[in-house]
Protein backbone atom coordinates (compact mmCIF):
# COMPACT_ATOMS: atom_id res chain seq x y z
CA UNK A 1 13.18 19.27 8.32
CA UNK A 2 10.56 16.78 9.48
CA UNK A 3 7.99 19.51 10.08
CA UNK A 4 8.90 21.16 6.76
CA UNK A 5 8.38 17.86 4.89
CA UNK A 6 4.98 17.40 6.54
CA UNK A 7 4.00 20.97 5.72
CA UNK A 8 4.92 20.49 2.05
CA UNK A 9 2.95 17.25 1.87
CA UNK A 10 -0.11 18.89 3.39
CA UNK A 11 0.02 21.57 0.67
CA UNK A 12 -0.47 18.76 -1.84
CA UNK A 13 -3.28 17.18 0.23
CA UNK A 14 -1.09 14.20 1.05
CA UNK A 15 -0.89 12.39 4.36
CA UNK A 16 2.70 11.85 5.38
CA UNK A 17 4.89 9.86 7.70
CA UNK A 18 8.51 10.89 8.02
CA UNK A 19 11.14 8.45 9.21
CA UNK A 20 14.57 9.84 10.00
CA UNK A 21 15.76 6.47 11.31
CA UNK A 22 14.46 2.96 10.81
CA UNK A 23 12.21 2.04 13.76
CA UNK A 24 11.96 -1.48 15.16
CA UNK A 25 8.68 -2.41 13.42
CA UNK A 26 9.37 -0.43 10.25
CA UNK A 27 7.42 -2.53 7.74
CA UNK A 28 4.23 -2.34 9.81
CA UNK A 29 4.68 1.34 10.59
CA UNK A 30 5.11 2.06 6.88
CA UNK A 31 1.59 0.79 6.24
CA UNK A 32 0.27 0.58 2.68
CA UNK A 33 1.16 3.89 1.01
CA UNK A 34 0.45 5.10 -2.49
CA UNK A 35 3.93 6.61 -2.77
CA UNK A 36 7.16 6.48 -0.79
CA UNK A 37 9.70 9.25 -1.26
CA UNK A 38 13.10 7.84 -0.43
CA UNK A 39 15.95 10.29 0.12
CA UNK A 40 18.86 8.03 -0.74
CA UNK A 41 21.56 10.28 0.69
CA UNK A 42 20.05 10.18 4.19
CA UNK A 43 18.54 6.71 4.60
CA UNK A 44 20.38 3.49 5.33
CA UNK A 45 20.77 0.70 2.79
CA UNK A 46 18.77 -1.55 5.07
CA UNK A 47 15.86 0.91 5.10
CA UNK A 48 15.97 1.32 1.32
CA UNK A 49 15.97 -2.46 0.88
CA UNK A 50 12.96 -2.87 3.20
CA UNK A 51 11.04 -0.24 1.24
CA UNK A 52 11.89 -1.95 -2.06
CA UNK A 53 10.81 -5.35 -0.77
CA UNK A 54 7.51 -4.01 0.54
CA UNK A 55 6.91 -2.07 -2.71
CA UNK A 56 7.25 -5.30 -4.70
CA UNK A 57 4.79 -7.10 -2.42
CA UNK A 58 2.19 -4.32 -2.21
CA UNK A 59 2.74 -2.71 -5.61
CA UNK A 60 3.24 0.94 -4.64
CA UNK A 61 5.52 3.52 -6.21
CA UNK A 62 8.88 4.51 -4.79
CA UNK A 63 10.44 7.83 -5.80
CA UNK A 64 14.18 7.69 -5.14
CA UNK A 65 15.94 11.03 -5.02
CA UNK A 66 19.42 11.77 -3.81
CA UNK A 67 18.89 15.29 -2.52
CA UNK A 68 16.82 15.60 0.69
CA UNK A 69 15.87 19.22 0.10
CA UNK A 70 12.40 20.67 0.40
CA UNK A 71 12.52 21.66 -3.27
CA UNK A 72 13.28 18.08 -4.30
CA UNK A 73 10.25 16.87 -2.33
CA UNK A 74 8.04 19.51 -3.99
CA UNK A 75 9.23 18.38 -7.41
CA UNK A 76 8.36 14.76 -6.69
CA UNK A 77 4.95 15.64 -5.29
CA UNK A 78 4.18 17.82 -8.32
CA UNK A 79 4.74 14.76 -10.49
CA UNK A 80 2.82 12.24 -8.38
CA UNK A 81 0.09 14.18 -6.55
CA UNK A 82 -2.74 16.47 -7.48
CA UNK A 83 -3.01 19.52 -5.25
């Protein structure tokens, strides 16, 4: 699914990073995004909390969706990105 997510993001002219697990230096690896898509059914509570904390500090948007399907990602990107 990682390659599929990246392919979908590229169709919307969006750069993407996909994390399937929380790496050691997660906050720095996250960078300063415009939007974070958080699949709540697949990420840990700790990862979701780190994203929320960083979003408050850096003022970026977080789209929380339960379903980690490709269609759900397309729907979010249609709302937030211009292709």
